[in-house]
Structures are given as C-alpha cells and as structure tokens.
Amino acid sequence: MGFCAASLYATLRHWRSGAALMTFDVRAFWFETPFYLGFATPVFYRGVAIVLSTSAVVLLIQQIMIRRNLEHHGTARWARVDEMRRPGYLRRYRGVTGPVFGKTSGPFWPGYYLTNGEQPHSLIVAPTRAGKGVGIVIPTLLTFKGSVIALDVKGELFELTSRARQAAGAEVFKFAPLDS
C-alpha cells in the first residue's frame, strides 16, 4: 500500500496532470530509486517518507480496529488477602488442618497461615536449599492432625517433629532399615 502511494506520487510528480493517472504504473517508484538510476532523487526521498508513513498509519489503524485483550499468556496473578480469607485459606495457628504453604507475617510474629485443609495432598517443587523443609514440610508436620507418610532421607524431619506429634497424640514410627 505504501509503495502504491509512493508510485502514485512519483507518477504525478513527473507528469503533473490528471492524465498521468491513466498511465499509472505501480513500478513508478522503483524507477526513482538509486538502484535503478544510480543516484537518489528528491522524489525518491519523499517516496520513502510516503512508504514509511503509510505503513505506520496502516499498522496503527489495524491495531485500533482489531484491538482485543490479549490473554494468551493467561491472567494469573498473586491472590489478595481478602481472596485467600474468603474460602478459608488463611487461618490462625490453632485452626490449621492441612499443609502449611506460607504465613502472612515474619517467623516470630503472630499471623495467619496459608493452608488448605480440604485438599491435604500437595507437590512442592523448588531447588535445593530453597526452604521447602523449613517453610512447608516442618510446619505441616507440626500442625496436621491426620496420618502422614514422609520421605525423610536425612532423618531431620523425624528429629524435629516426632516429639511434638507424639505429644499431640499421634503414633510416630521411623522406618529406616539401613540406619545402624
């Protein structure tokens, strides 16, 4: 479209009459280029400006006409506190019944725990030393009232939580056939 406009300009520039439109050639702009003539003419520079401005206007009109909300990357975002409180995901320490996924305050301050007692199954994926054990597994083992099978390769979870679970009335067993 831009080249057609530039060719129309070049045609009218050379012949300066309405009759030139009868002999309009789409390639008229090409005959003004340095590739064809060996040097740049003022008609060429103005034609380039016409091509660029026409292309910009066409793209702008296209964006305005077909503008829509792009959601191909999704609409996910972090939940607000009120959105977590409404379904019961934020609870005080005594009300925690499922896995603990986070807390609304620092480690030594009272706050609400992010938990979901309706769905006790979870998969936590994070790199080594990212805080999965200290931030999620140990608080869950200390607060969850149901049965738990924990894969504890190093024995840290048993050492840190077994006494508290026994004091809460749970039977605690350690299966480690290769420990001496």
N, C-alpha and C. Protein backbone atom coordinates (compact mmCIF):
# COMPACT_ATOMS: atom_id res chain seq x y z
N MET A 1 0.82 -1.18 0.00
CA MET A 1 0.00 0.00 0.00
C MET A 1 0.87 1.26 0.00
N GLY A 2 1.94 1.21 0.80
CA GLY A 2 2.86 2.35 0.83
C GLY A 2 3.58 2.54 -0.49
N PHE A 3 3.95 1.41 -1.14
CA PHE A 3 4.63 1.52 -2.44
C PHE A 3 3.68 2.03 -3.52
N CYS A 4 2.42 1.66 -3.41
CA CYS A 4 1.43 2.18 -4.37
C CYS A 4 1.30 3.69 -4.21
N ALA A 5 1.24 4.16 -2.95
CA ALA A 5 1.13 5.60 -2.72
C ALA A 5 2.38 6.32 -3.21
N ALA A 6 3.57 5.73 -2.98
CA ALA A 6 4.82 6.35 -3.44
C ALA A 6 4.88 6.35 -4.97
N SER A 7 4.39 5.29 -5.61
CA SER A 7 4.37 5.25 -7.08
C SER A 7 3.41 6.28 -7.63
N LEU A 8 2.27 6.46 -6.96
CA LEU A 8 1.32 7.49 -7.38
C LEU A 8 1.96 8.87 -7.28
N TYR A 9 2.69 9.11 -6.19
CA TYR A 9 3.39 10.39 -6.02
C TYR A 9 4.41 10.60 -7.14
N ALA A 10 5.20 9.56 -7.41
CA ALA A 10 6.23 9.68 -8.46
C ALA A 10 5.60 9.93 -9.82
N THR A 11 4.49 9.27 -10.10
CA THR A 11 3.81 9.48 -11.39
C THR A 11 3.31 10.91 -11.51
N LEU A 12 2.64 11.41 -10.48
CA LEU A 12 2.11 12.77 -10.53
C LEU A 12 3.23 13.80 -10.53
N ARG A 13 4.33 13.51 -9.90
CA ARG A 13 5.45 14.45 -9.81
C ARG A 13 6.07 14.67 -11.18
N HIS A 14 6.17 13.62 -11.96
CA HIS A 14 6.82 13.74 -13.27
C HIS A 14 5.88 14.27 -14.34
N TRP A 15 4.63 13.86 -14.32
CA TRP A 15 3.74 14.26 -15.41
C TRP A 15 2.80 15.41 -15.04
N ARG A 16 2.58 15.68 -13.80
CA ARG A 16 1.85 16.84 -13.28
C ARG A 16 0.46 17.04 -13.91
N SER A 17 -0.20 16.01 -14.27
CA SER A 17 -1.55 16.18 -14.82
C SER A 17 -2.41 15.00 -14.41
N GLY A 18 -3.70 15.21 -14.49
CA GLY A 18 -4.63 14.13 -14.18
C GLY A 18 -4.54 13.02 -15.20
N ALA A 19 -4.09 13.35 -16.40
CA ALA A 19 -3.97 12.34 -17.45
C ALA A 19 -2.90 11.31 -17.09
N ALA A 20 -1.98 11.69 -16.19
CA ALA A 20 -0.92 10.76 -15.78
C ALA A 20 -1.51 9.56 -15.06
N LEU A 21 -2.68 9.76 -14.45
CA LEU A 21 -3.30 8.64 -13.75
C LEU A 21 -3.72 7.55 -14.72
N MET A 22 -3.97 7.92 -15.96
CA MET A 22 -4.35 6.92 -16.97
C MET A 22 -3.17 6.02 -17.31
N THR A 23 -1.96 6.53 -17.14
CA THR A 23 -0.76 5.73 -17.44
C THR A 23 -0.06 5.31 -16.16
N PHE A 24 -0.79 5.25 -15.06
CA PHE A 24 -0.20 4.92 -13.75
C PHE A 24 0.45 3.54 -13.79
N ASP A 25 1.68 3.49 -13.30
CA ASP A 25 2.43 2.24 -13.22
C ASP A 25 2.81 2.02 -11.76
N VAL A 26 2.50 0.86 -11.23
CA VAL A 26 2.81 0.55 -9.83
C VAL A 26 4.32 0.57 -9.61
N ARG A 27 5.10 0.38 -10.66
CA ARG A 27 6.55 0.36 -10.53
C ARG A 27 7.19 1.74 -10.67
N ALA A 28 6.40 2.78 -10.74
CA ALA A 28 6.94 4.13 -10.97
C ALA A 28 7.92 4.53 -9.87
N PHE A 29 7.65 4.13 -8.65
CA PHE A 29 8.57 4.48 -7.57
C PHE A 29 9.91 3.77 -7.74
N TRP A 30 9.89 2.55 -8.24
CA TRP A 30 11.12 1.80 -8.45
C TRP A 30 12.07 2.53 -9.41
N PHE A 31 11.51 3.20 -10.39
CA PHE A 31 12.35 3.91 -11.37
C PHE A 31 13.01 5.15 -10.78
N GLU A 32 12.63 5.52 -9.55
CA GLU A 32 13.24 6.67 -8.88
C GLU A 32 14.31 6.26 -7.87
N THR A 33 14.50 4.99 -7.67
CA THR A 33 15.43 4.52 -6.64
C THR A 33 16.87 4.62 -7.11
N PRO A 34 17.80 4.71 -6.15
CA PRO A 34 19.23 4.72 -6.50
C PRO A 34 19.66 3.41 -7.15
N PHE A 35 18.92 2.32 -6.89
CA PHE A 35 19.26 1.04 -7.50
C PHE A 35 19.05 1.09 -9.01
N TYR A 36 18.08 1.87 -9.44
CA TYR A 36 17.76 1.96 -10.87
C TYR A 36 18.51 3.10 -11.55
N LEU A 37 18.52 4.28 -10.90
CA LEU A 37 19.15 5.45 -11.51
C LEU A 37 20.65 5.57 -11.21
N GLY A 38 21.07 5.01 -10.10
CA GLY A 38 22.46 5.16 -9.69
C GLY A 38 22.66 6.33 -8.75
N PHE A 39 21.64 7.12 -8.50
CA PHE A 39 21.71 8.23 -7.54
C PHE A 39 20.29 8.47 -7.00
N ALA A 40 20.23 9.12 -5.85
CA ALA A 40 18.94 9.37 -5.20
C ALA A 40 18.39 10.72 -5.63
N THR A 41 17.13 10.75 -5.95
CA THR A 41 16.46 11.99 -6.35
C THR A 41 15.57 12.47 -5.20
N PRO A 42 15.16 13.73 -5.21
CA PRO A 42 14.21 14.21 -4.19
C PRO A 42 12.90 13.43 -4.21
N VAL A 43 12.49 12.98 -5.37
CA VAL A 43 11.27 12.18 -5.46
C VAL A 43 11.45 10.87 -4.68
N PHE A 44 12.65 10.30 -4.76
CA PHE A 44 12.93 9.06 -4.01
C PHE A 44 12.80 9.30 -2.51
N TYR A 45 13.42 10.37 -1.99
CA TYR A 45 13.37 10.64 -0.55
C TYR A 45 11.94 10.86 -0.07
N ARG A 46 11.17 11.62 -0.84
CA ARG A 46 9.78 11.85 -0.46
C ARG A 46 8.97 10.54 -0.57
N GLY A 47 9.30 9.74 -1.55
CA GLY A 47 8.63 8.45 -1.71
C GLY A 47 8.90 7.52 -0.53
N VAL A 48 10.14 7.51 -0.04
CA VAL A 48 10.46 6.70 1.14
C VAL A 48 9.66 7.19 2.34
N ALA A 49 9.56 8.50 2.49
CA ALA A 49 8.76 9.06 3.59
C ALA A 49 7.30 8.64 3.45
N ILE A 50 6.79 8.63 2.23
CA ILE A 50 5.41 8.21 2.00
C ILE A 50 5.23 6.73 2.35
N VAL A 51 6.18 5.88 1.94
CA VAL A 51 6.10 4.45 2.24
C VAL A 51 6.09 4.23 3.75
N LEU A 52 7.01 4.88 4.46
CA LEU A 52 7.10 4.68 5.91
C LEU A 52 5.87 5.21 6.63
N SER A 53 5.44 6.40 6.27
CA SER A 53 4.27 6.97 6.96
C SER A 53 3.00 6.19 6.64
N THR A 54 2.84 5.75 5.40
CA THR A 54 1.67 4.95 5.05
C THR A 54 1.67 3.62 5.80
N SER A 55 2.83 3.00 5.90
CA SER A 55 2.93 1.74 6.65
C SER A 55 2.59 1.94 8.11
N ALA A 56 3.08 3.03 8.70
CA ALA A 56 2.79 3.31 10.10
C ALA A 56 1.30 3.55 10.31
N VAL A 57 0.68 4.31 9.42
CA VAL A 57 -0.76 4.58 9.55
C VAL A 57 -1.57 3.30 9.39
N VAL A 58 -1.21 2.45 8.43
CA VAL A 58 -1.93 1.19 8.23
C VAL A 58 -1.80 0.30 9.46
N LEU A 59 -0.61 0.20 10.03
CA LEU A 59 -0.42 -0.62 11.23
C LEU A 59 -1.20 -0.05 12.41
N LEU A 60 -1.22 1.26 12.55
CA LEU A 60 -1.97 1.89 13.63
C LEU A 60 -3.47 1.62 13.49
N ILE A 61 -3.98 1.78 12.29
CA ILE A 61 -5.41 1.51 12.06
C ILE A 61 -5.73 0.04 12.31
N GLN A 62 -4.83 -0.83 11.90
CA GLN A 62 -5.04 -2.26 12.13
C GLN A 62 -5.11 -2.56 13.62
N GLN A 63 -4.22 -1.98 14.40
CA GLN A 63 -4.23 -2.21 15.84
C GLN A 63 -5.48 -1.65 16.50
N ILE A 64 -5.94 -0.51 16.04
CA ILE A 64 -7.15 0.08 16.61
C ILE A 64 -8.37 -0.77 16.25
N MET A 65 -8.43 -1.25 15.03
CA MET A 65 -9.61 -2.00 14.57
C MET A 65 -9.73 -3.37 15.22
N ILE A 66 -8.63 -4.07 15.39
CA ILE A 66 -8.71 -5.44 15.91
C ILE A 66 -8.18 -5.54 17.33
N ARG A 67 -8.19 -4.43 18.03
CA ARG A 67 -7.67 -4.45 19.40
C ARG A 67 -8.57 -5.30 20.28
N ARG A 68 -7.95 -6.18 21.03
CA ARG A 68 -8.67 -7.01 21.98
C ARG A 68 -7.72 -7.33 23.12
N ASN A 69 -8.26 -7.82 24.20
CA ASN A 69 -7.43 -8.18 25.34
C ASN A 69 -6.65 -9.44 25.02
N LEU A 70 -5.35 -9.33 25.05
CA LEU A 70 -4.51 -10.49 24.78
C LEU A 70 -4.37 -11.30 26.06
N GLU A 71 -4.84 -12.53 26.02
CA GLU A 71 -4.76 -13.38 27.19
C GLU A 71 -4.05 -14.69 26.88
N HIS A 72 -3.23 -14.69 25.84
CA HIS A 72 -2.55 -15.93 25.51
C HIS A 72 -1.48 -16.29 26.53
N HIS A 73 -1.09 -15.34 27.37
CA HIS A 73 -0.17 -15.66 28.45
C HIS A 73 -0.92 -15.91 29.75
N GLY A 74 -2.23 -15.86 29.73
CA GLY A 74 -3.03 -16.10 30.93
C GLY A 74 -3.28 -14.82 31.71
N THR A 75 -4.10 -14.97 32.72
CA THR A 75 -4.44 -13.82 33.55
C THR A 75 -4.07 -14.09 35.00
N ALA A 76 -3.12 -14.98 35.22
CA ALA A 76 -2.74 -15.35 36.58
C ALA A 76 -2.07 -14.18 37.30
N ARG A 77 -2.28 -14.13 38.60
CA ARG A 77 -1.66 -13.11 39.45
C ARG A 77 -1.67 -13.65 40.87
N TRP A 78 -0.95 -12.98 41.77
CA TRP A 78 -0.96 -13.36 43.17
C TRP A 78 -2.30 -12.97 43.77
N ALA A 79 -2.84 -13.83 44.61
CA ALA A 79 -4.13 -13.55 45.25
C ALA A 79 -3.96 -12.48 46.33
N ARG A 80 -5.01 -11.68 46.50
CA ARG A 80 -5.03 -10.68 47.57
C ARG A 80 -5.46 -11.36 48.86
N VAL A 81 -5.20 -10.72 50.00
CA VAL A 81 -5.50 -11.30 51.31
C VAL A 81 -6.99 -11.61 51.42
N ASP A 82 -7.85 -10.70 50.98
CA ASP A 82 -9.29 -10.96 51.08
C ASP A 82 -9.72 -12.14 50.21
N GLU A 83 -9.05 -12.37 49.09
CA GLU A 83 -9.37 -13.51 48.24
C GLU A 83 -8.92 -14.83 48.87
N MET A 84 -7.93 -14.80 49.73
CA MET A 84 -7.49 -16.01 50.42
C MET A 84 -8.30 -16.24 51.69
N ARG A 85 -8.76 -15.17 52.31
CA ARG A 85 -9.51 -15.29 53.56
C ARG A 85 -10.92 -15.83 53.30
N ARG A 86 -11.58 -15.39 52.23
CA ARG A 86 -12.97 -15.78 51.93
C ARG A 86 -13.16 -17.30 51.89
N PRO A 87 -12.37 -18.07 51.14
CA PRO A 87 -12.59 -19.52 51.12
C PRO A 87 -11.99 -20.25 52.32
N GLY A 88 -11.36 -19.53 53.23
CA GLY A 88 -10.81 -20.16 54.44
C GLY A 88 -9.38 -20.63 54.32
N TYR A 89 -8.62 -20.07 53.40
CA TYR A 89 -7.22 -20.47 53.24
C TYR A 89 -6.30 -19.84 54.28
N LEU A 90 -6.72 -18.75 54.90
CA LEU A 90 -5.92 -18.10 55.95
C LEU A 90 -6.51 -18.46 57.30
N ARG A 91 -5.69 -19.05 58.15
CA ARG A 91 -6.16 -19.48 59.46
C ARG A 91 -5.11 -19.18 60.52
N ARG A 92 -5.60 -19.04 61.75
CA ARG A 92 -4.68 -18.91 62.89
C ARG A 92 -4.02 -20.26 63.14
N TYR A 93 -2.98 -20.28 63.96
CA TYR A 93 -2.19 -21.48 64.20
C TYR A 93 -3.06 -22.65 64.66
N ARG A 94 -3.98 -22.40 65.59
CA ARG A 94 -4.82 -23.49 66.13
C ARG A 94 -5.84 -24.01 65.12
N GLY A 95 -6.12 -23.27 64.08
CA GLY A 95 -7.12 -23.68 63.10
C GLY A 95 -6.55 -24.37 61.88
N VAL A 96 -5.24 -24.56 61.83
CA VAL A 96 -4.60 -25.18 60.66
C VAL A 96 -4.93 -26.66 60.64
N THR A 97 -5.47 -27.14 59.51
CA THR A 97 -5.84 -28.55 59.39
C THR A 97 -5.17 -29.24 58.21
N GLY A 98 -4.45 -28.52 57.41
CA GLY A 98 -3.82 -29.12 56.23
C GLY A 98 -2.40 -28.65 56.07
N PRO A 99 -1.84 -28.83 54.90
CA PRO A 99 -0.47 -28.39 54.66
C PRO A 99 -0.34 -26.87 54.82
N VAL A 100 0.78 -26.45 55.37
CA VAL A 100 1.06 -25.02 55.55
C VAL A 100 1.92 -24.58 54.37
N PHE A 101 1.42 -23.61 53.60
CA PHE A 101 2.15 -23.14 52.42
C PHE A 101 2.79 -21.78 52.61
N GLY A 102 2.46 -21.09 53.68
CA GLY A 102 3.04 -19.77 53.90
C GLY A 102 2.43 -19.12 55.12
N LYS A 103 2.91 -17.91 55.41
CA LYS A 103 2.44 -17.16 56.57
C LYS A 103 2.42 -15.68 56.20
N THR A 104 1.47 -14.94 56.78
CA THR A 104 1.32 -13.53 56.43
C THR A 104 2.24 -12.61 57.21
N SER A 105 3.01 -13.14 58.14
CA SER A 105 3.93 -12.29 58.91
C SER A 105 5.28 -12.98 59.03
N GLY A 106 6.20 -12.33 59.72
CA GLY A 106 7.53 -12.89 59.90
C GLY A 106 7.52 -14.11 60.80
N PRO A 107 8.67 -14.78 60.95
CA PRO A 107 8.72 -16.03 61.70
C PRO A 107 8.42 -15.89 63.20
N PHE A 108 8.68 -14.75 63.79
CA PHE A 108 8.48 -14.60 65.24
C PHE A 108 7.26 -13.76 65.58
N TRP A 109 6.44 -13.44 64.61
CA TRP A 109 5.27 -12.60 64.83
C TRP A 109 4.01 -13.42 64.59
N PRO A 110 2.95 -13.13 65.34
CA PRO A 110 1.70 -13.84 65.08
C PRO A 110 1.12 -13.42 63.73
N GLY A 111 0.54 -14.35 63.06
CA GLY A 111 -0.04 -14.05 61.76
C GLY A 111 -0.94 -15.19 61.31
N TYR A 112 -1.45 -15.07 60.12
CA TYR A 112 -2.30 -16.11 59.55
C TYR A 112 -1.45 -17.05 58.71
N TYR A 113 -1.82 -18.32 58.75
CA TYR A 113 -1.13 -19.33 57.96
C TYR A 113 -1.94 -19.63 56.70
N LEU A 114 -1.26 -19.74 55.58
CA LEU A 114 -1.90 -20.09 54.32
C LEU A 114 -1.96 -21.61 54.25
N THR A 115 -3.18 -22.15 54.27
CA THR A 115 -3.36 -23.59 54.32
C THR A 115 -4.64 -23.98 53.58
N ASN A 116 -4.76 -25.25 53.27
CA ASN A 116 -5.97 -25.77 52.64
C ASN A 116 -6.24 -27.14 53.21
N GLY A 117 -7.11 -27.22 54.20
CA GLY A 117 -7.42 -28.47 54.86
C GLY A 117 -8.27 -29.41 54.03
N GLU A 118 -8.97 -28.89 53.04
CA GLU A 118 -9.83 -29.74 52.22
C GLU A 118 -9.02 -30.64 51.29
N GLN A 119 -7.86 -30.19 50.90
CA GLN A 119 -7.03 -30.95 49.97
C GLN A 119 -5.66 -31.17 50.61
N PRO A 120 -5.47 -32.29 51.32
CA PRO A 120 -4.20 -32.47 52.04
C PRO A 120 -3.02 -32.88 51.16
N HIS A 121 -3.26 -33.19 49.90
CA HIS A 121 -2.17 -33.63 49.02
C HIS A 121 -1.54 -32.42 48.35
N SER A 122 -0.23 -32.42 48.28
CA SER A 122 0.45 -31.31 47.62
C SER A 122 1.78 -31.79 47.07
N LEU A 123 2.25 -31.08 46.07
CA LEU A 123 3.56 -31.35 45.48
C LEU A 123 4.32 -30.04 45.52
N ILE A 124 5.43 -30.03 46.21
CA ILE A 124 6.25 -28.83 46.34
C ILE A 124 7.51 -29.04 45.52
N VAL A 125 7.75 -28.14 44.58
CA VAL A 125 8.93 -28.25 43.72
C VAL A 125 9.72 -26.96 43.86
N ALA A 126 10.98 -27.08 44.23
CA ALA A 126 11.86 -25.92 44.36
C ALA A 126 13.30 -26.43 44.34
N PRO A 127 14.25 -25.57 44.04
CA PRO A 127 15.64 -26.03 44.03
C PRO A 127 16.15 -26.37 45.43
N THR A 128 17.30 -26.99 45.47
CA THR A 128 17.93 -27.35 46.73
C THR A 128 18.15 -26.12 47.59
N ARG A 129 17.95 -26.26 48.88
CA ARG A 129 18.17 -25.21 49.88
C ARG A 129 17.24 -24.01 49.69
N ALA A 130 16.06 -24.23 49.12
CA ALA A 130 15.12 -23.13 48.89
C ALA A 130 14.14 -22.95 50.05
N GLY A 131 14.18 -23.82 51.06
CA GLY A 131 13.31 -23.66 52.22
C GLY A 131 12.07 -24.52 52.20
N LYS A 132 12.06 -25.57 51.40
CA LYS A 132 10.88 -26.45 51.35
C LYS A 132 10.65 -27.12 52.70
N GLY A 133 11.70 -27.63 53.30
CA GLY A 133 11.56 -28.34 54.58
C GLY A 133 11.19 -27.41 55.71
N VAL A 134 11.94 -26.35 55.87
CA VAL A 134 11.71 -25.42 56.98
C VAL A 134 10.43 -24.61 56.79
N GLY A 135 10.12 -24.24 55.56
CA GLY A 135 8.97 -23.36 55.32
C GLY A 135 7.65 -24.08 55.13
N ILE A 136 7.68 -25.33 54.66
CA ILE A 136 6.43 -26.01 54.34
C ILE A 136 6.30 -27.35 55.07
N VAL A 137 7.29 -28.22 54.96
CA VAL A 137 7.16 -29.58 55.48
C VAL A 137 7.11 -29.60 57.00
N ILE A 138 8.03 -28.96 57.68
CA ILE A 138 8.05 -29.00 59.15
C ILE A 138 6.81 -28.33 59.74
N PRO A 139 6.39 -27.13 59.31
CA PRO A 139 5.14 -26.58 59.85
C PRO A 139 3.93 -27.49 59.58
N THR A 140 3.91 -28.15 58.44
CA THR A 140 2.79 -29.06 58.15
C THR A 140 2.82 -30.25 59.09
N LEU A 141 3.99 -30.83 59.32
CA LEU A 141 4.09 -31.97 60.24
C LEU A 141 3.73 -31.58 61.68
N LEU A 142 4.00 -30.35 62.06
CA LEU A 142 3.68 -29.90 63.43
C LEU A 142 2.20 -29.57 63.61
N THR A 143 1.49 -29.23 62.56
CA THR A 143 0.09 -28.80 62.70
C THR A 143 -0.92 -29.79 62.16
N PHE A 144 -0.55 -30.65 61.24
CA PHE A 144 -1.51 -31.55 60.61
C PHE A 144 -1.90 -32.65 61.58
N LYS A 145 -3.21 -32.88 61.72
CA LYS A 145 -3.71 -33.86 62.69
C LYS A 145 -3.86 -35.26 62.11
N GLY A 146 -3.82 -35.40 60.81
CA GLY A 146 -4.03 -36.70 60.18
C GLY A 146 -2.77 -37.53 60.08
N SER A 147 -2.89 -38.67 59.41
CA SER A 147 -1.75 -39.56 59.21
C SER A 147 -0.82 -38.97 58.16
N VAL A 148 0.47 -39.23 58.35
CA VAL A 148 1.48 -38.69 57.46
C VAL A 148 2.50 -39.77 57.14
N ILE A 149 2.85 -39.88 55.88
CA ILE A 149 4.00 -40.68 55.47
C ILE A 149 4.97 -39.69 54.85
N ALA A 150 6.13 -39.54 55.46
CA ALA A 150 7.10 -38.55 55.00
C ALA A 150 8.38 -39.26 54.58
N LEU A 151 8.87 -38.94 53.41
CA LEU A 151 10.15 -39.45 52.95
C LEU A 151 11.22 -38.55 53.58
N ASP A 152 11.95 -39.13 54.52
CA ASP A 152 12.90 -38.35 55.31
C ASP A 152 14.27 -39.00 55.17
N VAL A 153 14.96 -38.71 54.09
CA VAL A 153 16.22 -39.36 53.77
C VAL A 153 17.28 -39.07 54.83
N LYS A 154 17.36 -37.84 55.29
CA LYS A 154 18.41 -37.45 56.25
C LYS A 154 17.98 -37.64 57.70
N GLY A 155 16.71 -37.89 57.96
CA GLY A 155 16.23 -38.07 59.33
C GLY A 155 15.93 -36.78 60.07
N GLU A 156 16.04 -35.65 59.39
CA GLU A 156 15.82 -34.35 60.05
C GLU A 156 14.37 -34.15 60.44
N LEU A 157 13.44 -34.54 59.59
CA LEU A 157 12.02 -34.34 59.89
C LEU A 157 11.61 -35.13 61.13
N PHE A 158 12.10 -36.35 61.24
CA PHE A 158 11.79 -37.17 62.42
C PHE A 158 12.34 -36.52 63.68
N GLU A 159 13.58 -36.09 63.63
CA GLU A 159 14.21 -35.48 64.80
C GLU A 159 13.49 -34.20 65.24
N LEU A 160 13.05 -33.40 64.30
CA LEU A 160 12.47 -32.10 64.64
C LEU A 160 10.98 -32.15 64.97
N THR A 161 10.25 -33.16 64.51
CA THR A 161 8.79 -33.14 64.69
C THR A 161 8.21 -34.33 65.43
N SER A 162 8.96 -35.39 65.65
CA SER A 162 8.39 -36.60 66.23
C SER A 162 7.87 -36.37 67.66
N ARG A 163 8.61 -35.66 68.50
CA ARG A 163 8.15 -35.43 69.89
C ARG A 163 6.86 -34.62 69.92
N ALA A 164 6.77 -33.59 69.08
CA ALA A 164 5.56 -32.76 69.06
C ALA A 164 4.36 -33.56 68.55
N ARG A 165 4.56 -34.42 67.58
CA ARG A 165 3.45 -35.23 67.07
C ARG A 165 3.02 -36.27 68.10
N GLN A 166 3.98 -36.84 68.84
CA GLN A 166 3.63 -37.79 69.91
C GLN A 166 2.87 -37.07 71.03
N ALA A 167 3.29 -35.86 71.37
CA ALA A 167 2.61 -35.09 72.41
C ALA A 167 1.18 -34.73 71.99
N ALA A 168 0.94 -34.63 70.69
CA ALA A 168 -0.40 -34.33 70.18
C ALA A 168 -1.26 -35.59 70.08
N GLY A 169 -0.70 -36.74 70.44
CA GLY A 169 -1.47 -37.98 70.46
C GLY A 169 -1.30 -38.86 69.25
N ALA A 170 -0.38 -38.56 68.38
CA ALA A 170 -0.17 -39.36 67.18
C ALA A 170 0.87 -40.44 67.45
N GLU A 171 0.70 -41.58 66.81
CA GLU A 171 1.73 -42.61 66.87
C GLU A 171 2.78 -42.27 65.81
N VAL A 172 4.04 -42.34 66.18
CA VAL A 172 5.12 -41.97 65.27
C VAL A 172 6.03 -43.18 65.09
N PHE A 173 6.28 -43.54 63.85
CA PHE A 173 7.16 -44.65 63.54
C PHE A 173 8.24 -44.16 62.59
N LYS A 174 9.43 -44.72 62.78
CA LYS A 174 10.53 -44.40 61.87
C LYS A 174 10.95 -45.69 61.20
N PHE A 175 10.86 -45.73 59.89
CA PHE A 175 11.28 -46.89 59.13
C PHE A 175 12.58 -46.53 58.43
N ALA A 176 13.67 -47.06 58.95
CA ALA A 176 14.99 -46.78 58.38
C ALA A 176 15.81 -48.06 58.45
N PRO A 177 15.60 -49.00 57.54
CA PRO A 177 16.27 -50.30 57.63
C PRO A 177 17.78 -50.23 57.43
N LEU A 178 18.28 -49.18 56.81
CA LEU A 178 19.71 -49.10 56.55
C LEU A 178 20.47 -48.31 57.61
N ASP A 179 19.76 -47.69 58.56
CA ASP A 179 20.45 -46.97 59.64
C ASP A 179 21.07 -47.97 60.60
N SER A 180 22.22 -47.65 61.12
CA SER A 180 22.88 -48.58 62.05
C SER A 180 22.59 -48.22 63.48
